[in-house]
C-alpha atoms as a PDB file:
ATOM      1  CA  MET A   1      -1.669  -5.189  -7.410  1.00  0.00           C
ATOM      2  CA  ALA A   2      -1.482  -2.606  -5.086  1.00  0.00           C
ATOM      3  CA  VAL A   3       1.421  -1.817  -2.822  1.00  0.00           C
ATOM      4  CA  ASN A   4       1.184   1.268  -0.315  1.00  0.00           C
ATOM      5  CA  TYR A   5       4.941   1.349   1.990  1.00  0.00           C
ATOM      6  CA  PHE A   6       5.701   4.444   4.096  1.00  0.00           C
ATOM      7  CA  SER A   7       8.902   4.046   4.454  1.00  0.00           C
ATOM      8  CA  ARG A   8      10.204   0.864   3.307  1.00  0.00           C
ATOM      9  CA  ALA A   9      11.012   0.923  -0.402  1.00  0.00           C
ATOM     10  CA  ASP A  10      12.752  -2.104  -0.515  1.00  0.00           C
ATOM     11  CA  ASP A  11      10.831  -4.643   1.295  1.00  0.00           C
ATOM     12  CA  ALA A  12       8.055  -2.821  -1.359  1.00  0.00           C
ATOM     13  CA  GLN A  13       9.419  -3.758  -3.898  1.00  0.00           C
ATOM     14  CA  GLN A  14      10.013  -7.500  -2.906  1.00  0.00           C
ATOM     15  CA  THR A  15       7.291  -7.886  -2.950  1.00  0.00           C
ATOM     16  CA  VAL A  16       5.961  -6.109  -5.932  1.00  0.00           C
ATOM     17  CA  ARG A  17       8.845  -8.504  -7.429  1.00  0.00           C
ATOM     18  CA  GLU A  18       6.932 -11.754  -5.823  1.00  0.00           C
ATOM     19  CA  ILE A  19       3.904 -11.356  -6.795  1.00  0.00           C
ATOM     20  CA  GLN A  20       5.460 -10.250 -10.172  1.00  0.00           C
ATOM     21  CA  ASP A  21       6.988 -13.990 -10.541  1.00  0.00           C
ATOM     22  CA  ALA A  22       4.173 -15.308  -8.939  1.00  0.00           C
ATOM     23  CA  GLY A  23       2.551 -13.893 -12.591  1.00  0.00           C
ATOM     24  CA  SER A  24       0.449 -11.231 -11.192  1.00  0.00           C
ATOM     25  CA  GLU A  25       0.889  -7.046 -12.071  1.00  0.00           C
ATOM     26  CA  ALA A  26       2.466  -5.120  -9.459  1.00  0.00           C
ATOM     27  CA  VAL A  27       3.465  -1.856  -8.661  1.00  0.00           C
ATOM     28  CA  ALA A  28       4.939  -0.557  -5.497  1.00  0.00           C
ATOM     29  CA  ILE A  29       3.473   3.788  -4.210  1.00  0.00           C
ATOM     30  CA  GLN A  30       4.658   5.843  -1.580  1.00  0.00           C
ATOM     31  CA  GLY A  31       1.727   7.224   0.949  1.00  0.00           C
ATOM     32  CA  ASP A  32       1.118   8.031   4.154  1.00  0.00           C
ATOM     33  CA  VAL A  33      -2.454   6.293   4.543  1.00  0.00           C
ATOM     34  CA  SER A  34      -2.955   8.860   8.108  1.00  0.00           C
ATOM     35  CA  GLN A  35      -2.591  11.647   5.729  1.00  0.00           C
ATOM     36  CA  PRO A  36      -6.138  12.109   3.768  1.00  0.00           C
ATOM     37  CA  ASP A  37      -4.447  14.312   0.436  1.00  0.00           C
ATOM     38  CA  GLN A  38      -1.559  11.170   0.003  1.00  0.00           C
ATOM     39  CA  ALA A  39      -4.540   8.221   0.783  1.00  0.00           C
ATOM     40  CA  ALA A  40      -6.190  10.185  -1.950  1.00  0.00           C
ATOM     41  CA  ARG A  41      -2.870  10.617  -4.023  1.00  0.00           C
ATOM     42  CA  ILE A  42      -2.254   6.236  -3.651  1.00  0.00           C
ATOM     43  CA  ALA A  43      -5.516   5.737  -4.085  1.00  0.00           C
ATOM     44  CA  ALA A  44      -5.334   7.259  -7.715  1.00  0.00           C
ATOM     45  CA  GLU A  45      -2.287   6.027  -8.557  1.00  0.00           C
ATOM     46  CA  ALA A  46      -3.386   2.235  -7.701  1.00  0.00           C
ATOM     47  CA  ARG A  47      -6.651   2.893  -9.808  1.00  0.00           C
ATOM     48  CA  GLU A  48      -4.267   4.715 -12.433  1.00  0.00           C
ATOM     49  CA  PHE A  49      -1.980   1.140 -12.744  1.00  0.00           C
ATOM     50  CA  LEU A  50      -4.904  -1.513 -11.736  1.00  0.00           C
ATOM     51  CA  GLY A  51      -8.337   0.434 -12.975  1.00  0.00           C
ATOM     52  CA  ARG A  52     -10.896  -0.861 -11.550  1.00  0.00           C
ATOM     53  CA  VAL A  53     -10.586  -1.981  -7.495  1.00  0.00           C
ATOM     54  CA  ASP A  54     -11.854  -5.197  -5.982  1.00  0.00           C
ATOM     55  CA  TRP A  55     -10.244  -5.785  -2.688  1.00  0.00           C
ATOM     56  CA  LEU A  56      -8.360  -3.784  -0.100  1.00  0.00           C
ATOM     57  CA  VAL A  57      -6.223  -4.586   1.926  1.00  0.00           C
ATOM     58  CA  HIS A  58      -5.932  -1.823   5.414  1.00  0.00           C
ATOM     59  CA  SER A  59      -2.808  -3.073   6.920  1.00  0.00           C
ATOM     60  CA  ALA A  60      -0.981   0.485   8.001  1.00  0.00           C
ATOM     61  CA  GLY A  61      -0.233   0.150  11.884  1.00  0.00           C
ATOM     62  CA  LEU A  62      -0.427   2.628  15.163  1.00  0.00           C
ATOM     63  CA  SER A  63       0.789   2.154  18.594  1.00  0.00           C
ATOM     64  CA  ILE A  64      -0.849   3.150  21.239  1.00  0.00           C
ATOM     65  CA  VAL A  65       0.862   3.200  24.908  1.00  0.00           C
ATOM     66  CA  GLU A  66      -1.935   4.033  27.261  1.00  0.00           C
ATOM     67  CA  PRO A  67      -3.334   1.497  29.522  1.00  0.00           C
ATOM     68  CA  ALA A  68      -6.196  -0.987  28.269  1.00  0.00           C
ATOM     69  CA  ASP A  69      -8.711  -0.277  31.036  1.00  0.00           C
END
């Protein structure tokens, strides 16, 4: 499993350790998925570590502060 993070390296490494403790391989990859070049690098590094990527969970957050109407 590849865990992407933007700025919370310690949290990402903790997640990697939890995945590894559960018996799976994991790697943390830093990058900003809002930047196309970084998103491409993140994907390339994940493929290098994992081989084939079967699932992608996108959970990057974006806040837009404006009326909902």
